Every structure is written in structure tokens, then in C-alpha cells.
C-alpha atoms as a PDB file:
ATOM      1  CA  MET A   1     -19.786  -6.517  13.723  1.00  0.00           C
ATOM      2  CA  SER A   2     -17.550  -3.644  12.709  1.00  0.00           C
ATOM      3  CA  ASN A   3     -17.310  -2.434   9.132  1.00  0.00           C
ATOM      4  CA  HIS A   4     -13.739  -3.781   8.957  1.00  0.00           C
ATOM      5  CA  ASN A   5     -14.861  -7.310   9.871  1.00  0.00           C
ATOM      6  CA  ARG A   6     -17.645  -7.298   7.277  1.00  0.00           C
ATOM      7  CA  ASN A   7     -15.182  -6.296   4.572  1.00  0.00           C
ATOM      8  CA  SER A   8     -12.661  -8.935   5.661  1.00  0.00           C
ATOM      9  CA  ASN A   9     -15.272 -11.703   5.515  1.00  0.00           C
ATOM     10  CA  SER A  10     -16.557 -10.504   2.155  1.00  0.00           C
ATOM     11  CA  ASN A  11     -13.031 -10.294   0.740  1.00  0.00           C
ATOM     12  CA  THR A  12     -12.253 -13.817   1.917  1.00  0.00           C
ATOM     13  CA  GLU A  13     -15.396 -15.166   0.280  1.00  0.00           C
ATOM     14  CA  MET A  14     -14.622 -13.430  -2.999  1.00  0.00           C
ATOM     15  CA  THR A  15     -11.027 -14.626  -2.855  1.00  0.00           C
ATOM     16  CA  ASP A  16     -12.196 -18.219  -2.422  1.00  0.00           C
ATOM     17  CA  LYS A  17     -14.636 -17.892  -5.332  1.00  0.00           C
ATOM     18  CA  GLY A  18     -11.958 -16.270  -7.472  1.00  0.00           C
ATOM     19  CA  ARG A  19      -9.449 -18.985  -6.617  1.00  0.00           C
ATOM     20  CA  GLN A  20     -11.944 -21.691  -7.579  1.00  0.00           C
ATOM     21  CA  ALA A  21     -12.693 -19.984 -10.895  1.00  0.00           C
ATOM     22  CA  LEU A  22      -8.991 -19.555 -11.629  1.00  0.00           C
ATOM     23  CA  ASP A  23      -8.291 -23.218 -10.822  1.00  0.00           C
ATOM     24  CA  LYS A  24     -11.091 -24.284 -13.181  1.00  0.00           C
ATOM     25  CA  PHE A  25      -9.716 -21.979 -15.896  1.00  0.00           C
ATOM     26  CA  LYS A  26      -6.231 -23.432 -15.370  1.00  0.00           C
ATOM     27  CA  MET A  27      -7.527 -27.012 -15.644  1.00  0.00           C
ATOM     28  CA  GLU A  28      -9.423 -26.184 -18.846  1.00  0.00           C
ATOM     29  CA  SER A  29      -6.349 -24.545 -20.382  1.00  0.00           C
ATOM     30  CA  ALA A  30      -4.142 -27.505 -19.458  1.00  0.00           C
ATOM     31  CA  SER A  31      -6.671 -29.918 -20.923  1.00  0.00           C
ATOM     32  CA  GLU A  32      -6.731 -27.990 -24.215  1.00  0.00           C
ATOM     33  CA  LEU A  33      -2.950 -28.360 -24.377  1.00  0.00           C
ATOM     34  CA  GLY A  34      -3.077 -32.074 -23.560  1.00  0.00           C
ATOM     35  CA  ILE A  35      -1.289 -31.574 -20.228  1.00  0.00           C
ATOM     36  CA  ASN A  36      -2.504 -33.746 -17.366  1.00  0.00           C
ATOM     37  CA  LEU A  37      -3.014 -31.509 -14.322  1.00  0.00           C
ATOM     38  CA  LYS A  38      -3.983 -32.982 -10.982  1.00  0.00           C
ATOM     39  CA  ASP A  39      -5.854 -31.305  -8.150  1.00  0.00           C
ATOM     40  CA  GLY A  40      -3.267 -30.103  -5.681  1.00  0.00           C
ATOM     41  CA  TYR A  41       0.480 -30.415  -6.176  1.00  0.00           C
ATOM     42  CA  ASN A  42       1.800 -30.563  -9.746  1.00  0.00           C
ATOM     43  CA  GLY A  43       5.542 -30.372  -9.092  1.00  0.00           C
ATOM     44  CA  ASP A  44       6.200 -33.015 -11.726  1.00  0.00           C
ATOM     45  CA  LEU A  45       5.351 -30.598 -14.551  1.00  0.00           C
ATOM     46  CA  THR A  46       8.215 -29.312 -16.633  1.00  0.00           C
ATOM     47  CA  SER A  47       8.831 -25.575 -16.789  1.00  0.00           C
ATOM     48  CA  ARG A  48       7.735 -25.690 -20.418  1.00  0.00           C
ATOM     49  CA  GLU A  49       4.411 -27.331 -19.523  1.00  0.00           C
ATOM     50  CA  ALA A  50       3.708 -24.905 -16.676  1.00  0.00           C
ATOM     51  CA  GLY A  51       4.624 -21.954 -18.901  1.00  0.00           C
ATOM     52  CA  SER A  52       2.419 -23.256 -21.690  1.00  0.00           C
ATOM     53  CA  ILE A  53      -0.561 -23.407 -19.348  1.00  0.00           C
ATOM     54  CA  GLY A  54       0.027 -19.846 -18.153  1.00  0.00           C
ATOM     55  CA  GLY A  55       0.538 -18.635 -21.716  1.00  0.00           C
ATOM     56  CA  LYS A  56      -2.671 -20.304 -22.847  1.00  0.00           C
ATOM     57  CA  MET A  57      -4.575 -18.650 -20.000  1.00  0.00           C
ATOM     58  CA  VAL A  58      -3.225 -15.211 -20.949  1.00  0.00           C
ATOM     59  CA  GLN A  59      -4.031 -15.822 -24.619  1.00  0.00           C
ATOM     60  CA  LYS A  60      -7.625 -16.751 -23.732  1.00  0.00           C
ATOM     61  CA  MET A  61      -8.005 -13.674 -21.503  1.00  0.00           C
ATOM     62  CA  ILE A  62      -6.721 -11.370 -24.245  1.00  0.00           C
ATOM     63  CA  ASN A  63      -9.031 -12.930 -26.816  1.00  0.00           C
ATOM     64  CA  SER A  64     -11.970 -12.605 -24.438  1.00  0.00           C
ATOM     65  CA  TYR A  65     -11.174  -8.914 -23.881  1.00  0.00           C
ATOM     66  CA  LYS A  66     -10.944  -8.285 -27.640  1.00  0.00           C
ATOM     67  CA  MET A  67     -14.361  -9.899 -28.178  1.00  0.00           C
ATOM     68  CA  GLN A  68     -16.048  -7.468 -25.757  1.00  0.00           C
END
């Protein structure tokens, strides 16, 4: 296996793990805001709800960074 292929496989694995962690983080943030998120498509969310979830995630990341 070439070095390029090893890196591609490793990057894919890390991307999958990162995506799973981010999805879990998103679900937790939505739950804290009282917004019902489903696995998969959530096109029925309002822009305000989707923005609130993203804002909550950023707020939590900033607070986590400040605590370090």
C-alpha cells in the first residue's frame, strides 16, 4: 500500500469519527435548547432554530476553550 493510500484511509476514518462526534454535539446542543432534532434530514426546522443550535455549539466551544 502506498503512503498516499494509507493517509487517505486514515483521513476517512478520522473524518467519520469527527462527523459522529459533531452530530452528537449538535444533538446535545439542540436538546439543551428544547429543539427536537431527528437523525437525518431536519428540513422542517426554522432558520431561527437552526441558527440557535449553531450558536449554542459555538458558545459551548468558546467556553470550553476559556476553561483550558
